[in-house]
Amino acid sequence: MAGNLLDIDPELAYRHAQVALQRGGRVDVVREAAALTAYATGRYAEALREFRTVRRLGGSIEHLPLMADCERGLGRPERALAIADEPDAKVLPADSAVEMRIVVAGARLDMGDAEAAHLILSRISTPNADLQVRVDEAKVAVLRALGRDAEADELEASIPEPVEEEIEEEIFLYDTAELPDPDAELEDEDDEIDEAPEFDDEDDLHEVDEDDEQAEDDDADAETAEDAETAEDEDRA
């Protein structure tokens, strides 16, 4: 469901993924949906955390380029390069390897090395038309950073406009109203702490209410009176 909505309304897709996460948080495909929608909406720290969980649950390495790009989004290009240097990154499938090189070029650009970024992108060759568009878009940004605006304009003009595909399958939406507001949850937790019941340490942690306290006071008074009567009887004897 979140996947169908991802290209149409990323924020709505994210909310649906969060509902699914509450229902099946230990399922790797659910965590993957949470990761992808968080990434699509710019929640990079959350996306990175979910991608790591997906990798831990299923051992998948296909999302390494997105994990590296999350590090870029968090302003940590050095960590993006570190992910690209991992052994698993060296055995990525062809398309994923291209995605990783695009991310690496972006990280180099973030670090102020536009020449290195341009060299990386210039060496990419892929038969995948969609990936080639992404490579060219990255090149445009690098060329502008190098001050080669004329080349950037020419390349940008050659990039085809994206084609919006109609989704024919029927989409059933979750009721996202059931997803609680995070701020409200925090307020509820504070209220629960303030209103936490008192417990009796000596009686298996049962809840102590006002009636219980009154009953204990009455029992104590009765015991005191009984002890006094016993003492008077002993004095008479």
Protein backbone atom coordinates (compact mmCIF):
# COMPACT_ATOMS: atom_id res chain seq x y z
CA MET A 1 0.00 0.00 0.00
CA ALA A 2 2.71 2.46 1.01
CA GLY A 3 4.63 1.47 -2.13
CA ASN A 4 1.68 2.37 -4.37
CA LEU A 5 1.36 5.76 -2.73
CA LEU A 6 5.07 6.54 -2.53
CA ASP A 7 5.31 8.32 -5.88
CA ILE A 8 1.87 9.94 -5.53
CA ASP A 9 1.88 11.24 -1.96
CA PRO A 10 5.05 10.35 0.01
CA GLU A 11 3.75 11.84 3.24
CA LEU A 12 0.54 9.82 3.11
CA ALA A 13 2.58 6.73 2.22
CA TYR A 14 4.72 7.40 5.30
CA ARG A 15 1.68 7.55 7.55
CA HIS A 16 0.33 4.27 6.17
CA ALA A 17 3.71 2.66 6.73
CA GLN A 18 3.63 3.87 10.33
CA VAL A 19 0.22 2.25 10.84
CA ALA A 20 1.59 -1.01 9.40
CA LEU A 21 4.64 -0.68 11.64
CA GLN A 22 2.44 -0.59 14.72
CA ARG A 23 0.72 -3.78 13.58
CA GLY A 24 3.72 -5.79 12.42
CA GLY A 25 6.93 -4.14 13.56
CA ARG A 26 8.91 -7.37 13.53
CA VAL A 27 8.27 -8.13 9.86
CA ASP A 28 11.15 -7.12 7.60
CA VAL A 29 8.94 -5.97 4.68
CA VAL A 30 7.04 -3.68 7.05
CA ARG A 31 10.29 -2.18 8.32
CA GLU A 32 11.41 -1.81 4.70
CA ALA A 33 8.25 0.16 3.88
CA ALA A 34 8.85 2.35 6.94
CA ALA A 35 12.43 2.95 5.80
CA LEU A 36 11.57 3.79 2.19
CA THR A 37 8.75 6.17 3.09
CA ALA A 38 10.85 7.89 5.75
CA TYR A 39 13.62 8.33 3.16
CA ALA A 40 11.17 9.68 0.58
CA THR A 41 9.92 12.30 3.05
CA GLY A 42 13.39 13.42 4.14
CA ARG A 43 13.33 11.75 7.56
CA TYR A 44 16.89 10.54 7.09
CA ALA A 45 17.75 9.58 10.67
CA GLU A 46 14.58 7.50 10.94
CA ALA A 47 15.12 5.96 7.50
CA LEU A 48 18.71 5.02 8.34
CA ARG A 49 17.59 3.34 11.56
CA GLU A 50 14.92 1.34 9.71
CA PHE A 51 17.29 0.36 6.89
CA ARG A 52 19.73 -0.98 9.48
CA THR A 53 16.93 -2.99 11.05
CA VAL A 54 15.95 -4.43 7.66
CA ARG A 55 19.55 -5.40 7.04
CA ARG A 56 19.80 -7.05 10.45
CA LEU A 57 16.53 -8.96 10.02
CA GLY A 58 17.06 -10.23 6.50
CA GLY A 59 20.72 -9.69 5.67
CA SER A 60 19.80 -7.65 2.59
CA ILE A 61 22.42 -5.30 1.13
CA GLU A 62 20.27 -3.77 -1.62
CA HIS A 63 19.57 -0.64 0.40
CA LEU A 64 23.21 0.25 1.06
CA PRO A 65 23.11 3.13 -1.48
CA LEU A 66 20.08 4.60 0.29
CA MET A 67 21.76 4.17 3.66
CA ALA A 68 24.77 6.06 2.32
CA ASP A 69 22.52 8.77 0.93
CA CYS A 70 20.83 9.08 4.34
CA GLU A 71 24.25 9.84 5.79
CA ARG A 72 24.62 12.55 3.16
CA GLY A 73 21.20 13.90 4.08
CA LEU A 74 22.34 14.09 7.71
CA GLY A 75 25.38 16.12 6.67
CA ARG A 76 27.86 13.25 7.10
CA PRO A 77 29.40 12.61 3.65
CA GLU A 78 32.41 10.89 5.23
CA ARG A 79 30.12 8.19 6.63
CA ALA A 80 28.50 7.81 3.22
CA LEU A 81 31.93 7.07 1.77
CA ALA A 82 32.59 4.61 4.60
CA ILE A 83 29.43 2.66 3.67
CA ALA A 84 30.53 2.65 0.03
CA ASP A 85 33.84 1.09 1.12
CA GLU A 86 32.19 -1.80 3.00
CA PRO A 87 32.84 -5.29 1.57
CA ASP A 88 29.12 -5.77 0.91
CA ALA A 89 29.09 -2.63 -1.25
CA LYS A 90 31.64 -4.25 -3.56
CA VAL A 91 29.23 -7.04 -4.50
CA LEU A 92 26.11 -4.99 -5.16
CA PRO A 93 24.03 -5.82 -8.26
CA ALA A 94 24.75 -3.66 -11.31
CA ASP A 95 21.94 -1.13 -10.84
CA SER A 96 22.58 -0.80 -7.11
CA ALA A 97 26.29 -0.32 -7.82
CA VAL A 98 25.43 2.58 -10.13
CA GLU A 99 23.23 4.10 -7.44
CA MET A 100 26.10 3.83 -4.97
CA ARG A 101 28.48 5.61 -7.35
CA ILE A 102 25.96 8.42 -7.75
CA VAL A 103 25.83 8.75 -3.97
CA VAL A 104 29.63 8.68 -3.73
CA ALA A 105 29.84 11.45 -6.33
CA GLY A 106 27.35 13.47 -4.32
CA ALA A 107 29.37 12.91 -1.15
CA ARG A 108 32.50 14.15 -2.90
CA LEU A 109 30.60 17.22 -4.06
CA ASP A 110 29.38 17.80 -0.49
CA MET A 111 33.01 17.75 0.63
CA GLY A 112 33.94 20.37 -1.95
CA ASP A 113 35.66 18.08 -4.43
CA ALA A 114 33.62 18.70 -7.56
CA GLU A 115 36.37 17.43 -9.86
CA ALA A 116 36.34 14.01 -8.19
CA ALA A 117 32.55 13.96 -8.37
CA HIS A 118 32.62 14.74 -12.09
CA LEU A 119 35.22 12.02 -12.73
CA ILE A 120 33.11 9.40 -10.92
CA LEU A 121 29.97 10.30 -12.85
CA SER A 122 31.79 10.42 -16.19
CA ARG A 123 32.86 6.80 -15.75
CA ILE A 124 29.33 5.50 -15.21
CA SER A 125 27.75 3.58 -18.07
CA THR A 126 24.38 1.93 -17.65
CA PRO A 127 21.74 0.56 -20.02
CA ASN A 128 19.07 1.50 -17.48
CA ALA A 129 17.42 4.63 -18.89
CA ASP A 130 16.03 5.77 -15.53
CA LEU A 131 19.42 5.45 -13.87
CA GLN A 132 21.07 7.31 -16.73
CA VAL A 133 18.67 10.20 -16.15
CA ARG A 134 19.74 10.28 -12.51
CA VAL A 135 23.40 10.23 -13.52
CA ASP A 136 22.83 13.14 -15.88
CA GLU A 137 20.94 15.10 -13.23
CA ALA A 138 23.84 14.60 -10.84
CA LYS A 139 26.24 15.73 -13.58
CA VAL A 140 24.28 18.94 -14.04
CA ALA A 141 24.77 19.84 -10.37
CA VAL A 142 28.48 19.01 -10.56
CA LEU A 143 29.00 21.02 -13.76
CA ARG A 144 27.36 24.05 -12.15
CA ALA A 145 29.61 23.64 -9.13
CA LEU A 146 32.59 23.68 -11.51
CA GLY A 147 31.31 26.84 -13.17
CA ARG A 148 30.61 25.08 -16.46
CA ASP A 149 27.11 26.47 -16.78
CA ALA A 150 26.87 26.20 -20.58
CA GLU A 151 27.56 22.45 -20.46
CA ALA A 152 25.15 22.11 -17.56
CA ASP A 153 22.40 23.90 -19.47
CA GLU A 154 22.95 21.74 -22.55
CA LEU A 155 22.88 18.52 -20.56
CA GLU A 156 19.84 19.61 -18.57
CA ALA A 157 17.94 20.37 -21.77
CA SER A 158 18.62 16.85 -23.04
CA ILE A 159 17.15 15.15 -19.98
CA PRO A 160 13.67 13.82 -20.80
CA GLU A 161 10.73 15.00 -18.74
CA PRO A 162 9.42 12.45 -16.26
CA VAL A 163 6.34 10.54 -17.41
CA GLU A 164 3.58 10.09 -14.88
CA GLU A 165 2.26 6.55 -14.96
CA GLU A 166 -1.34 5.82 -14.09
CA ILE A 167 -1.87 3.22 -11.40
CA GLU A 168 -4.55 0.82 -12.57
CA GLU A 169 -4.78 -1.41 -9.51
CA GLU A 170 -7.25 -0.57 -6.80
CA ILE A 171 -5.80 1.03 -3.68
CA PHE A 172 -7.26 0.41 -0.25
CA LEU A 173 -6.29 3.00 2.31
CA TYR A 174 -5.71 2.43 5.98
CA ASP A 175 -7.51 4.76 8.34
CA THR A 176 -4.53 6.91 9.20
CA ALA A 177 -6.60 8.57 11.90
CA GLU A 178 -5.73 5.60 14.08
CA LEU A 179 -2.10 6.68 14.00
CA PRO A 180 -1.61 8.78 17.16
CA ASP A 181 -0.01 12.16 17.05
CA PRO A 182 3.58 11.86 18.36
CA ASP A 183 3.24 15.08 20.39
CA ALA A 184 0.01 13.83 21.96
CA GLU A 185 1.72 10.57 22.87
CA LEU A 186 4.44 12.46 24.72
CA GLU A 187 1.82 14.47 26.63
CA ASP A 188 -0.06 11.28 27.53
CA GLU A 189 3.13 9.70 28.84
CA ASP A 190 3.74 12.75 31.05
CA ASP A 191 0.18 12.55 32.37
CA GLU A 192 0.57 8.85 33.10
CA ILE A 193 3.72 9.55 35.09
CA ASP A 194 1.98 12.30 37.09
CA GLU A 195 -1.06 10.11 37.77
CA ALA A 196 0.83 6.89 38.51
CA PRO A 197 -0.79 4.96 41.40
CA GLU A 198 0.99 4.31 44.68
CA PHE A 199 1.92 0.74 45.51
CA ASP A 200 2.41 -1.09 48.79
CA ASP A 201 5.91 -2.63 48.85
CA GLU A 202 4.95 -5.17 51.54
CA ASP A 203 1.86 -6.60 49.91
CA ASP A 204 2.83 -7.87 46.42
CA LEU A 205 2.67 -4.41 44.87
CA HIS A 206 -1.14 -4.16 45.02
CA GLU A 207 -2.54 -0.72 44.38
CA VAL A 208 -3.28 1.28 47.50
CA ASP A 209 -6.32 3.54 47.31
CA GLU A 210 -7.90 5.81 49.90
CA ASP A 211 -10.34 3.10 51.09
CA ASP A 212 -7.47 0.69 51.69
CA GLU A 213 -5.59 3.34 53.67
CA GLN A 214 -8.68 4.08 55.79
CA ALA A 215 -9.23 0.37 56.46
CA GLU A 216 -5.63 -0.01 57.58
CA ASP A 217 -6.03 2.96 59.95
CA ASP A 218 -9.21 1.43 61.42
CA ASP A 219 -7.48 -1.92 61.95
CA ALA A 220 -4.59 -0.21 63.66
CA ASP A 221 -6.96 1.68 65.99
CA ALA A 222 -8.81 -1.56 66.86
CA GLU A 223 -5.55 -3.32 67.64
CA THR A 224 -4.49 -0.46 69.93
CA ALA A 225 -7.81 -0.55 71.80
CA GLU A 226 -7.61 -4.32 72.22
CA ASP A 227 -4.08 -4.08 73.63
CA ALA A 228 -5.25 -1.44 76.13
CA GLU A 229 -8.13 -3.63 77.37
CA THR A 230 -5.77 -6.59 77.76
CA ALA A 231 -3.40 -4.50 79.86
CA GLU A 232 -6.25 -3.34 82.14
CA ASP A 233 -7.39 -6.96 82.70
CA GLU A 234 -3.86 -7.97 83.66
CA ASP A 235 -3.65 -5.06 86.18
CA ARG A 236 -6.93 -6.15 87.84
CA ALA A 237 -5.70 -9.68 88.09
